[in-house]
Amino acid sequence: MSTGRLLGVAAAAVVAAAVAITIAIQLDRSATAGSASAATTTAPPAELGAPTRVTIPAIGVDAALVGVGLKPDGAMQTPDFGIAAWYDKGPKPGQPGPAVVLAHVDSKAHGPDVFYRLRELKPGDRVSVQYADRTTTFAVTGKEQTAKTALPTTRIWSSTTMPVLRLITCGGAFDRKAGSYLDNIIVYADQLVS
């Protein structure tokens, strides 16, 4: 491999690491800021426990939900095939601030996964998150597809104190060399008031 190619590979690795670190820092800041602003603007909500399930009737999703944090490199952990995950360093779905739920789109070994049809969601479609003693429901307000290298962190982890939900999966073209998709699909939803 030529020196120029080695430098190109090294530069790409540095950029990828910087993106992962930036996301991790934004996640930590958002979780802290969301908690602080929620405490000053609203009474603390009743303890929810951990969310256990996510359902999205419009695209046939009914999946177990587990908590995930960050990997040692700063990237968000991902759930196993067949289940979804919520980012447990931020708000729980239904608490003030942006809660994040993610799942895989598919896998080479198993085919379509939980969020395979996420890109089909339209404004108004319902997303429900179940807890042991209650269900919190959200309505889709929009979606976007962005390059993984340009994740819109300020839109995903906004400073809102309203309970909102972000659903994230992979999308776009598949890079066979890297073994991953180049983009993310992000769906935005607001909590419905009962």
N, C-alpha and C. Protein backbone atom coordinates (compact mmCIF):
# COMPACT_ATOMS: atom_id res chain seq x y z
N MET A 1 0.85 -1.18 0.00
CA MET A 1 0.00 0.00 0.00
C MET A 1 0.89 1.23 0.00
N SER A 2 0.54 2.23 -0.84
CA SER A 2 1.36 3.43 -0.96
C SER A 2 1.23 4.30 0.29
N THR A 3 2.23 5.21 0.46
CA THR A 3 2.21 6.12 1.60
C THR A 3 0.96 7.00 1.55
N GLY A 4 0.60 7.48 0.33
CA GLY A 4 -0.60 8.32 0.19
C GLY A 4 -1.85 7.58 0.61
N ARG A 5 -1.94 6.29 0.22
CA ARG A 5 -3.14 5.50 0.59
C ARG A 5 -3.18 5.27 2.11
N LEU A 6 -1.98 5.00 2.71
CA LEU A 6 -1.92 4.83 4.16
C LEU A 6 -2.37 6.10 4.88
N LEU A 7 -1.92 7.26 4.38
CA LEU A 7 -2.33 8.51 5.00
C LEU A 7 -3.83 8.73 4.85
N GLY A 8 -4.40 8.36 3.68
CA GLY A 8 -5.84 8.48 3.46
C GLY A 8 -6.62 7.61 4.42
N VAL A 9 -6.17 6.36 4.62
CA VAL A 9 -6.84 5.44 5.56
C VAL A 9 -6.74 5.98 6.98
N ALA A 10 -5.55 6.47 7.34
CA ALA A 10 -5.36 7.02 8.69
C ALA A 10 -6.25 8.24 8.90
N ALA A 11 -6.34 9.11 7.87
CA ALA A 11 -7.19 10.30 7.99
C ALA A 11 -8.65 9.90 8.17
N ALA A 12 -9.09 8.89 7.41
CA ALA A 12 -10.49 8.43 7.54
C ALA A 12 -10.75 7.89 8.93
N ALA A 13 -9.78 7.17 9.49
CA ALA A 13 -9.94 6.62 10.84
C ALA A 13 -10.03 7.75 11.87
N VAL A 14 -9.23 8.80 11.70
CA VAL A 14 -9.26 9.93 12.62
C VAL A 14 -10.61 10.64 12.54
N VAL A 15 -11.13 10.83 11.31
CA VAL A 15 -12.43 11.48 11.14
C VAL A 15 -13.52 10.65 11.81
N ALA A 16 -13.51 9.32 11.60
CA ALA A 16 -14.52 8.44 12.21
C ALA A 16 -14.46 8.52 13.73
N ALA A 17 -13.24 8.53 14.29
CA ALA A 17 -13.09 8.62 15.74
C ALA A 17 -13.59 9.96 16.25
N ALA A 18 -13.31 11.02 15.51
CA ALA A 18 -13.77 12.36 15.93
C ALA A 18 -15.29 12.43 15.93
N VAL A 19 -15.93 11.84 14.92
CA VAL A 19 -17.40 11.83 14.87
C VAL A 19 -17.96 11.08 16.07
N ALA A 20 -17.38 9.91 16.39
CA ALA A 20 -17.87 9.12 17.53
C ALA A 20 -17.69 9.89 18.84
N ILE A 21 -16.56 10.57 19.00
CA ILE A 21 -16.31 11.33 20.22
C ILE A 21 -17.27 12.50 20.31
N THR A 22 -17.49 13.21 19.18
CA THR A 22 -18.42 14.34 19.16
C THR A 22 -19.81 13.90 19.57
N ILE A 23 -20.27 12.76 19.03
CA ILE A 23 -21.60 12.24 19.36
C ILE A 23 -21.67 11.91 20.85
N ALA A 24 -20.63 11.25 21.37
CA ALA A 24 -20.63 10.88 22.79
C ALA A 24 -20.69 12.13 23.67
N ILE A 25 -19.92 13.15 23.32
CA ILE A 25 -19.93 14.39 24.11
C ILE A 25 -21.31 15.03 24.04
N GLN A 26 -21.89 15.09 22.82
CA GLN A 26 -23.22 15.69 22.67
C GLN A 26 -24.26 14.91 23.47
N LEU A 27 -24.16 13.57 23.46
CA LEU A 27 -25.10 12.75 24.22
C LEU A 27 -25.01 13.05 25.70
N ASP A 28 -23.79 13.11 26.22
CA ASP A 28 -23.61 13.37 27.64
C ASP A 28 -24.11 14.77 28.01
N ARG A 29 -23.81 15.77 27.15
CA ARG A 29 -24.27 17.13 27.42
C ARG A 29 -25.79 17.19 27.37
N SER A 30 -26.39 16.54 26.37
CA SER A 30 -27.84 16.59 26.22
C SER A 30 -28.53 15.93 27.40
N ALA A 31 -28.01 14.80 27.84
CA ALA A 31 -28.63 14.10 28.98
C ALA A 31 -28.57 14.99 30.22
N THR A 32 -27.40 15.64 30.42
CA THR A 32 -27.25 16.49 31.59
C THR A 32 -28.11 17.74 31.46
N ALA A 33 -28.08 18.38 30.28
CA ALA A 33 -28.86 19.61 30.08
C ALA A 33 -30.35 19.31 30.18
N GLY A 34 -30.78 18.20 29.57
CA GLY A 34 -32.20 17.85 29.62
C GLY A 34 -32.65 17.63 31.04
N SER A 35 -31.84 16.97 31.84
CA SER A 35 -32.21 16.72 33.24
C SER A 35 -32.28 18.03 34.02
N ALA A 36 -31.30 18.92 33.77
CA ALA A 36 -31.27 20.17 34.51
C ALA A 36 -32.45 21.04 34.15
N SER A 37 -32.75 21.20 32.83
CA SER A 37 -33.87 22.06 32.48
C SER A 37 -35.19 21.47 32.89
N ALA A 38 -35.33 20.15 32.84
CA ALA A 38 -36.58 19.53 33.27
C ALA A 38 -36.82 19.80 34.75
N ALA A 39 -35.74 19.77 35.54
CA ALA A 39 -35.88 19.96 36.98
C ALA A 39 -36.30 21.39 37.31
N THR A 40 -35.91 22.37 36.47
CA THR A 40 -36.24 23.75 36.78
C THR A 40 -37.57 24.19 36.18
N THR A 41 -38.11 23.46 35.19
CA THR A 41 -39.32 23.93 34.53
C THR A 41 -40.55 23.09 34.82
N THR A 42 -40.38 21.87 35.26
CA THR A 42 -41.54 21.01 35.51
C THR A 42 -41.32 20.19 36.77
N ALA A 43 -42.41 19.74 37.34
CA ALA A 43 -42.29 18.84 38.49
C ALA A 43 -41.77 17.51 37.99
N PRO A 44 -40.97 16.79 38.79
CA PRO A 44 -40.45 15.52 38.33
C PRO A 44 -41.59 14.53 38.06
N PRO A 45 -41.50 13.81 36.92
CA PRO A 45 -42.55 12.84 36.62
C PRO A 45 -42.45 11.64 37.56
N ALA A 46 -43.55 10.91 37.68
CA ALA A 46 -43.55 9.68 38.48
C ALA A 46 -42.51 8.72 37.89
N GLU A 47 -41.86 7.97 38.75
CA GLU A 47 -40.85 7.02 38.30
C GLU A 47 -41.48 6.01 37.35
N LEU A 48 -40.89 5.88 36.18
CA LEU A 48 -41.45 5.01 35.15
C LEU A 48 -40.91 3.59 35.20
N GLY A 49 -39.77 3.36 35.81
CA GLY A 49 -39.11 2.08 35.65
C GLY A 49 -38.50 2.06 34.26
N ALA A 50 -38.13 0.90 33.79
CA ALA A 50 -37.52 0.79 32.45
C ALA A 50 -38.59 0.49 31.41
N PRO A 51 -38.50 1.11 30.24
CA PRO A 51 -39.43 0.76 29.18
C PRO A 51 -39.16 -0.68 28.73
N THR A 52 -40.22 -1.40 28.37
CA THR A 52 -40.06 -2.82 28.07
C THR A 52 -40.37 -3.21 26.62
N ARG A 53 -41.13 -2.37 25.90
CA ARG A 53 -41.57 -2.78 24.58
C ARG A 53 -41.87 -1.54 23.73
N VAL A 54 -41.65 -1.65 22.42
CA VAL A 54 -42.02 -0.60 21.48
C VAL A 54 -42.91 -1.21 20.41
N THR A 55 -44.01 -0.53 20.10
CA THR A 55 -44.91 -0.99 19.03
C THR A 55 -45.16 0.16 18.07
N ILE A 56 -45.16 -0.18 16.78
CA ILE A 56 -45.44 0.80 15.71
C ILE A 56 -46.36 0.09 14.72
N PRO A 57 -47.67 0.15 14.91
CA PRO A 57 -48.60 -0.60 14.08
C PRO A 57 -48.46 -0.35 12.57
N ALA A 58 -48.18 0.88 12.16
CA ALA A 58 -48.11 1.22 10.73
C ALA A 58 -47.06 0.42 9.98
N ILE A 59 -46.01 -0.05 10.69
CA ILE A 59 -44.96 -0.82 10.01
C ILE A 59 -44.75 -2.20 10.65
N GLY A 60 -45.71 -2.63 11.45
CA GLY A 60 -45.66 -3.98 12.01
C GLY A 60 -44.61 -4.23 13.06
N VAL A 61 -44.20 -3.20 13.80
CA VAL A 61 -43.18 -3.37 14.85
C VAL A 61 -43.85 -3.69 16.18
N ASP A 62 -43.38 -4.74 16.83
CA ASP A 62 -43.75 -5.10 18.19
C ASP A 62 -42.55 -5.82 18.77
N ALA A 63 -41.68 -5.06 19.46
CA ALA A 63 -40.38 -5.60 19.87
C ALA A 63 -40.05 -5.28 21.31
N ALA A 64 -39.32 -6.18 21.94
CA ALA A 64 -38.79 -5.94 23.28
C ALA A 64 -37.83 -4.75 23.20
N LEU A 65 -37.71 -4.05 24.35
CA LEU A 65 -36.89 -2.85 24.42
C LEU A 65 -35.93 -2.99 25.59
N VAL A 66 -34.63 -2.78 25.34
CA VAL A 66 -33.60 -2.87 26.38
C VAL A 66 -32.81 -1.56 26.41
N GLY A 67 -32.17 -1.28 27.53
CA GLY A 67 -31.34 -0.09 27.65
C GLY A 67 -29.94 -0.32 27.13
N VAL A 68 -29.36 0.71 26.49
CA VAL A 68 -27.97 0.65 26.04
C VAL A 68 -27.28 1.97 26.39
N GLY A 69 -25.96 1.90 26.49
CA GLY A 69 -25.16 3.09 26.76
C GLY A 69 -24.18 3.34 25.64
N LEU A 70 -22.93 3.61 26.02
CA LEU A 70 -21.88 3.89 25.05
C LEU A 70 -20.82 2.81 25.07
N LYS A 71 -20.22 2.55 23.91
CA LYS A 71 -19.08 1.64 23.80
C LYS A 71 -17.83 2.38 24.29
N PRO A 72 -16.75 1.67 24.57
CA PRO A 72 -15.51 2.33 25.02
C PRO A 72 -15.01 3.40 24.04
N ASP A 73 -15.29 3.24 22.72
CA ASP A 73 -14.83 4.23 21.75
C ASP A 73 -15.75 5.45 21.65
N GLY A 74 -16.83 5.48 22.45
CA GLY A 74 -17.73 6.61 22.45
C GLY A 74 -18.94 6.47 21.56
N ALA A 75 -18.98 5.43 20.73
CA ALA A 75 -20.15 5.20 19.87
C ALA A 75 -21.27 4.58 20.70
N MET A 76 -22.51 4.80 20.28
CA MET A 76 -23.65 4.23 21.00
C MET A 76 -23.69 2.72 20.78
N GLN A 77 -23.98 1.99 21.85
CA GLN A 77 -24.16 0.54 21.72
C GLN A 77 -25.41 0.27 20.89
N THR A 78 -25.46 -0.90 20.27
CA THR A 78 -26.63 -1.29 19.49
C THR A 78 -27.19 -2.59 20.06
N PRO A 79 -28.49 -2.81 19.89
CA PRO A 79 -29.10 -4.02 20.45
C PRO A 79 -28.82 -5.24 19.60
N ASP A 80 -29.10 -6.40 20.15
CA ASP A 80 -29.00 -7.64 19.38
C ASP A 80 -30.11 -7.69 18.35
N PHE A 81 -29.97 -8.58 17.38
CA PHE A 81 -30.99 -8.77 16.35
C PHE A 81 -32.32 -9.13 17.01
N GLY A 82 -33.40 -8.56 16.51
CA GLY A 82 -34.74 -8.92 16.98
C GLY A 82 -35.28 -8.09 18.13
N ILE A 83 -34.46 -7.17 18.67
CA ILE A 83 -34.94 -6.30 19.75
C ILE A 83 -34.54 -4.86 19.45
N ALA A 84 -35.20 -3.93 20.11
CA ALA A 84 -34.87 -2.51 20.00
C ALA A 84 -34.21 -2.07 21.30
N ALA A 85 -33.62 -0.88 21.28
CA ALA A 85 -32.95 -0.37 22.48
C ALA A 85 -33.28 1.10 22.67
N TRP A 86 -33.28 1.53 23.92
CA TRP A 86 -33.40 2.97 24.22
C TRP A 86 -32.10 3.41 24.85
N TYR A 87 -31.69 4.64 24.56
CA TYR A 87 -30.43 5.17 25.08
C TYR A 87 -30.62 5.55 26.54
N ASP A 88 -30.07 4.73 27.45
CA ASP A 88 -30.36 4.89 28.88
C ASP A 88 -29.52 5.96 29.58
N LYS A 89 -28.71 6.72 28.84
CA LYS A 89 -27.99 7.85 29.43
C LYS A 89 -28.79 9.14 29.26
N GLY A 90 -29.90 9.07 28.53
CA GLY A 90 -30.77 10.22 28.32
C GLY A 90 -32.14 9.96 28.92
N PRO A 91 -33.12 10.80 28.59
CA PRO A 91 -34.47 10.60 29.12
C PRO A 91 -35.09 9.29 28.65
N LYS A 92 -35.97 8.75 29.49
CA LYS A 92 -36.79 7.60 29.08
C LYS A 92 -37.92 8.14 28.20
N PRO A 93 -38.42 7.35 27.27
CA PRO A 93 -39.56 7.82 26.47
C PRO A 93 -40.72 8.23 27.37
N GLY A 94 -41.17 9.46 27.20
CA GLY A 94 -42.24 10.01 28.02
C GLY A 94 -41.76 10.97 29.08
N GLN A 95 -40.46 10.99 29.36
CA GLN A 95 -39.90 11.98 30.28
C GLN A 95 -39.55 13.24 29.50
N PRO A 96 -39.39 14.38 30.17
CA PRO A 96 -39.02 15.61 29.46
C PRO A 96 -37.70 15.45 28.69
N GLY A 97 -37.69 15.93 27.46
CA GLY A 97 -36.50 15.89 26.63
C GLY A 97 -36.57 14.81 25.57
N PRO A 98 -35.53 14.76 24.73
CA PRO A 98 -35.51 13.80 23.63
C PRO A 98 -35.03 12.41 24.07
N ALA A 99 -35.90 11.42 23.92
CA ALA A 99 -35.54 10.03 24.17
C ALA A 99 -35.20 9.37 22.83
N VAL A 100 -34.23 8.47 22.84
CA VAL A 100 -33.78 7.83 21.60
C VAL A 100 -34.02 6.33 21.67
N VAL A 101 -34.64 5.79 20.61
CA VAL A 101 -34.82 4.35 20.46
C VAL A 101 -34.19 3.95 19.14
N LEU A 102 -33.40 2.90 19.15
CA LEU A 102 -32.74 2.44 17.93
C LEU A 102 -32.87 0.94 17.77
N ALA A 103 -32.75 0.50 16.52
CA ALA A 103 -32.77 -0.93 16.19
C ALA A 103 -32.11 -1.08 14.82
N HIS A 104 -31.72 -2.30 14.51
CA HIS A 104 -31.11 -2.57 13.21
C HIS A 104 -32.16 -2.60 12.12
N VAL A 105 -31.70 -2.33 10.90
CA VAL A 105 -32.57 -2.41 9.73
C VAL A 105 -32.61 -3.85 9.21
N ASP A 106 -31.47 -4.53 9.23
CA ASP A 106 -31.40 -5.92 8.78
C ASP A 106 -30.04 -6.50 9.14
N SER A 107 -29.85 -7.77 8.83
CA SER A 107 -28.54 -8.40 9.01
C SER A 107 -28.34 -9.43 7.91
N LYS A 108 -27.10 -9.66 7.56
CA LYS A 108 -26.78 -10.63 6.52
C LYS A 108 -27.24 -12.04 6.92
N ALA A 109 -27.10 -12.36 8.18
CA ALA A 109 -27.44 -13.71 8.65
C ALA A 109 -28.94 -13.94 8.81
N HIS A 110 -29.69 -12.88 9.20
CA HIS A 110 -31.09 -13.08 9.57
C HIS A 110 -32.11 -12.34 8.70
N GLY A 111 -31.67 -11.43 7.84
CA GLY A 111 -32.60 -10.68 7.00
C GLY A 111 -33.15 -9.45 7.70
N PRO A 112 -34.39 -9.02 7.35
CA PRO A 112 -34.96 -7.80 7.92
C PRO A 112 -35.05 -7.84 9.44
N ASP A 113 -34.78 -6.68 10.07
CA ASP A 113 -34.84 -6.59 11.53
C ASP A 113 -35.93 -5.60 11.95
N VAL A 114 -35.94 -5.25 13.22
CA VAL A 114 -37.02 -4.48 13.84
C VAL A 114 -37.36 -3.21 13.06
N PHE A 115 -36.38 -2.41 12.67
CA PHE A 115 -36.64 -1.13 12.01
C PHE A 115 -36.46 -1.20 10.49
N TYR A 116 -36.69 -2.37 9.91
CA TYR A 116 -36.54 -2.55 8.46
C TYR A 116 -37.43 -1.57 7.68
N ARG A 117 -38.63 -1.32 8.17
CA ARG A 117 -39.57 -0.46 7.45
C ARG A 117 -39.67 0.96 8.05
N LEU A 118 -38.72 1.34 8.88
CA LEU A 118 -38.79 2.64 9.54
C LEU A 118 -38.93 3.78 8.54
N ARG A 119 -38.26 3.67 7.40
CA ARG A 119 -38.30 4.73 6.39
C ARG A 119 -39.70 4.96 5.83
N GLU A 120 -40.65 4.02 6.06
CA GLU A 120 -42.01 4.14 5.55
C GLU A 120 -42.92 4.97 6.44
N LEU A 121 -42.48 5.31 7.65
CA LEU A 121 -43.35 6.06 8.56
C LEU A 121 -43.69 7.43 8.01
N LYS A 122 -44.94 7.87 8.29
CA LYS A 122 -45.43 9.15 7.83
C LYS A 122 -45.91 9.98 9.02
N PRO A 123 -45.99 11.30 8.87
CA PRO A 123 -46.52 12.12 9.96
C PRO A 123 -47.90 11.62 10.40
N GLY A 124 -48.06 11.55 11.72
CA GLY A 124 -49.31 11.07 12.29
C GLY A 124 -49.27 9.61 12.71
N ASP A 125 -48.36 8.81 12.14
CA ASP A 125 -48.25 7.40 12.56
C ASP A 125 -47.91 7.34 14.04
N ARG A 126 -48.43 6.35 14.73
CA ARG A 126 -48.26 6.22 16.18
C ARG A 126 -47.11 5.28 16.55
N VAL A 127 -46.42 5.66 17.63
CA VAL A 127 -45.36 4.84 18.22
C VAL A 127 -45.67 4.75 19.71
N SER A 128 -45.79 3.53 20.23
CA SER A 128 -46.09 3.35 21.66
C SER A 128 -44.93 2.67 22.37
N VAL A 129 -44.62 3.18 23.55
CA VAL A 129 -43.58 2.59 24.40
C VAL A 129 -44.28 2.12 25.67
N GLN A 130 -44.10 0.84 25.97
CA GLN A 130 -44.77 0.25 27.13
C GLN A 130 -43.83 0.15 28.32
N TYR A 131 -44.43 0.42 29.49
CA TYR A 131 -43.78 0.23 30.77
C TYR A 131 -44.59 -0.82 31.52
N ALA A 132 -44.14 -1.21 32.69
CA ALA A 132 -44.86 -2.22 33.47
C ALA A 132 -46.29 -1.80 33.78
N ASP A 133 -46.49 -0.49 34.02
CA ASP A 133 -47.83 -0.05 34.45
C ASP A 133 -48.47 1.01 33.57
N ARG A 134 -47.89 1.32 32.43
CA ARG A 134 -48.48 2.34 31.54
C ARG A 134 -47.88 2.25 30.14
N THR A 135 -48.52 2.93 29.22
CA THR A 135 -48.03 3.04 27.84
C THR A 135 -47.98 4.51 27.48
N THR A 136 -46.89 4.93 26.85
CA THR A 136 -46.71 6.30 26.39
C THR A 136 -46.76 6.28 24.87
N THR A 137 -47.60 7.13 24.27
CA THR A 137 -47.76 7.11 22.82
C THR A 137 -47.30 8.43 22.20
N PHE A 138 -46.65 8.31 21.06
CA PHE A 138 -46.11 9.44 20.32
C PHE A 138 -46.69 9.43 18.90
N ALA A 139 -46.72 10.61 18.26
CA ALA A 139 -47.12 10.73 16.86
C ALA A 139 -45.93 11.22 16.06
N VAL A 140 -45.68 10.55 14.94
CA VAL A 140 -44.56 10.93 14.07
C VAL A 140 -44.82 12.33 13.52
N THR A 141 -43.77 13.16 13.55
CA THR A 141 -43.86 14.53 13.01
C THR A 141 -42.99 14.71 11.77
N GLY A 142 -41.99 13.86 11.58
CA GLY A 142 -41.11 13.99 10.42
C GLY A 142 -40.03 12.93 10.43
N LYS A 143 -39.26 12.91 9.35
CA LYS A 143 -38.13 11.98 9.24
C LYS A 143 -37.09 12.57 8.30
N GLU A 144 -35.89 12.04 8.41
CA GLU A 144 -34.83 12.45 7.50
C GLU A 144 -33.81 11.33 7.35
N GLN A 145 -33.07 11.40 6.26
CA GLN A 145 -31.98 10.47 6.01
C GLN A 145 -30.71 11.30 5.86
N THR A 146 -29.70 10.99 6.67
CA THR A 146 -28.45 11.75 6.64
C THR A 146 -27.26 10.80 6.64
N ALA A 147 -26.15 11.26 6.13
CA ALA A 147 -24.92 10.48 6.17
C ALA A 147 -24.53 10.24 7.62
N LYS A 148 -24.00 9.05 7.90
CA LYS A 148 -23.58 8.75 9.28
C LYS A 148 -22.51 9.73 9.75
N THR A 149 -21.73 10.25 8.81
CA THR A 149 -20.68 11.21 9.15
C THR A 149 -21.24 12.60 9.42
N ALA A 150 -22.54 12.80 9.19
CA ALA A 150 -23.16 14.12 9.41
C ALA A 150 -24.41 13.97 10.26
N LEU A 151 -24.35 13.14 11.29
CA LEU A 151 -25.50 12.91 12.16
C LEU A 151 -25.97 14.25 12.75
N PRO A 152 -27.26 14.60 12.60
CA PRO A 152 -27.75 15.90 13.06
C PRO A 152 -27.99 15.91 14.58
N THR A 153 -26.93 15.92 15.34
CA THR A 153 -27.01 15.78 16.80
C THR A 153 -27.85 16.88 17.44
N THR A 154 -27.80 18.11 16.89
CA THR A 154 -28.57 19.19 17.52
C THR A 154 -30.07 19.04 17.29
N ARG A 155 -30.47 18.36 16.21
CA ARG A 155 -31.89 18.09 16.01
C ARG A 155 -32.34 16.87 16.80
N ILE A 156 -31.48 15.85 16.88
CA ILE A 156 -31.84 14.64 17.62
C ILE A 156 -31.90 14.94 19.12
N TRP A 157 -30.82 15.51 19.65
CA TRP A 157 -30.74 15.80 21.07
C TRP A 157 -30.93 17.30 21.28
N SER A 158 -32.11 17.78 20.92
CA SER A 158 -32.41 19.21 21.05
C SER A 158 -32.58 19.58 22.52
N SER A 159 -32.73 20.87 22.78
CA SER A 159 -32.84 21.33 24.17
C SER A 159 -34.29 21.35 24.67
N THR A 160 -35.22 20.75 23.94
CA THR A 160 -36.61 20.77 24.35
C THR A 160 -36.82 20.09 25.71
N THR A 161 -37.77 20.59 26.46
CA THR A 161 -38.15 19.93 27.71
C THR A 161 -39.47 19.17 27.53
N MET A 162 -40.02 19.20 26.33
CA MET A 162 -41.22 18.41 26.04
C MET A 162 -40.80 16.96 25.81
N PRO A 163 -41.64 15.98 26.15
CA PRO A 163 -41.30 14.59 25.88
C PRO A 163 -41.39 14.30 24.37
N VAL A 164 -40.25 14.04 23.77
CA VAL A 164 -40.19 13.72 22.34
C VAL A 164 -39.40 12.43 22.16
N LEU A 165 -39.57 11.82 20.99
CA LEU A 165 -38.93 10.54 20.71
C LEU A 165 -38.20 10.62 19.38
N ARG A 166 -37.03 9.99 19.32
CA ARG A 166 -36.25 9.87 18.09
C ARG A 166 -36.02 8.39 17.84
N LEU A 167 -36.39 7.91 16.66
CA LEU A 167 -36.16 6.52 16.26
C LEU A 167 -35.06 6.53 15.22
N ILE A 168 -34.04 5.67 15.41
CA ILE A 168 -32.87 5.71 14.53
C ILE A 168 -32.51 4.31 14.06
N THR A 169 -32.20 4.20 12.76
CA THR A 169 -31.68 2.97 12.18
C THR A 169 -30.76 3.33 11.03
N CYS A 170 -30.17 2.33 10.41
CA CYS A 170 -29.30 2.54 9.25
C CYS A 170 -30.15 2.63 7.98
N GLY A 171 -29.56 3.21 6.94
CA GLY A 171 -30.26 3.32 5.67
C GLY A 171 -29.31 3.75 4.58
N GLY A 172 -29.89 4.03 3.41
CA GLY A 172 -29.09 4.47 2.27
C GLY A 172 -28.34 3.33 1.62
N ALA A 173 -27.26 3.68 0.94
CA ALA A 173 -26.46 2.68 0.22
C ALA A 173 -25.67 1.82 1.21
N PHE A 174 -25.41 0.58 0.79
CA PHE A 174 -24.64 -0.34 1.63
C PHE A 174 -23.21 -0.41 1.12
N ASP A 175 -22.26 -0.15 2.01
CA ASP A 175 -20.83 -0.23 1.67
C ASP A 175 -20.35 -1.65 1.95
N ARG A 176 -20.18 -2.43 0.89
CA ARG A 176 -19.80 -3.84 1.05
C ARG A 176 -18.43 -4.01 1.69
N LYS A 177 -17.49 -3.12 1.38
CA LYS A 177 -16.15 -3.22 1.98
C LYS A 177 -16.23 -3.02 3.50
N ALA A 178 -16.97 -1.99 3.92
CA ALA A 178 -17.06 -1.69 5.34
C ALA A 178 -18.08 -2.60 6.04
N GLY A 179 -19.00 -3.18 5.27
CA GLY A 179 -20.03 -4.04 5.85
C GLY A 179 -21.09 -3.28 6.61
N SER A 180 -21.37 -2.03 6.17
CA SER A 180 -22.38 -1.23 6.86
C SER A 180 -23.03 -0.25 5.89
N TYR A 181 -24.18 0.28 6.31
CA TYR A 181 -24.87 1.31 5.53
C TYR A 181 -24.17 2.64 5.72
N LEU A 182 -24.30 3.51 4.73
CA LEU A 182 -23.64 4.81 4.79
C LEU A 182 -24.45 5.88 5.51
N ASP A 183 -25.76 5.67 5.62
CA ASP A 183 -26.63 6.71 6.18
C ASP A 183 -27.37 6.22 7.43
N ASN A 184 -28.06 7.16 8.07
CA ASN A 184 -29.02 6.88 9.14
C ASN A 184 -30.38 7.40 8.72
N ILE A 185 -31.42 6.67 9.11
CA ILE A 185 -32.80 7.14 9.00
C ILE A 185 -33.19 7.59 10.41
N ILE A 186 -33.70 8.81 10.53
CA ILE A 186 -34.10 9.34 11.83
C ILE A 186 -35.56 9.76 11.74
N VAL A 187 -36.38 9.24 12.64
CA VAL A 187 -37.80 9.61 12.70
C VAL A 187 -38.01 10.42 13.97
N TYR A 188 -38.74 11.51 13.85
CA TYR A 188 -39.03 12.41 14.96
C TYR A 188 -40.50 12.25 15.36
N ALA A 189 -40.77 12.20 16.65
CA ALA A 189 -42.15 12.05 17.12
C ALA A 189 -42.36 12.84 18.41
N ASP A 190 -43.57 13.36 18.58
CA ASP A 190 -43.96 14.09 19.79
C ASP A 190 -44.94 13.27 20.60
N GLN A 191 -44.87 13.38 21.92
CA GLN A 191 -45.79 12.64 22.78
C GLN A 191 -47.20 13.18 22.62
N LEU A 192 -48.17 12.26 22.58
CA LEU A 192 -49.57 12.62 22.55
C LEU A 192 -50.04 12.85 23.97
N VAL A 193 -50.78 13.91 24.20
CA VAL A 193 -51.30 14.21 25.52
C VAL A 193 -52.65 13.51 25.67
N SER A 194 -52.80 12.73 26.76
CA SER A 194 -54.07 12.01 26.94
C SER A 194 -55.05 12.80 27.76
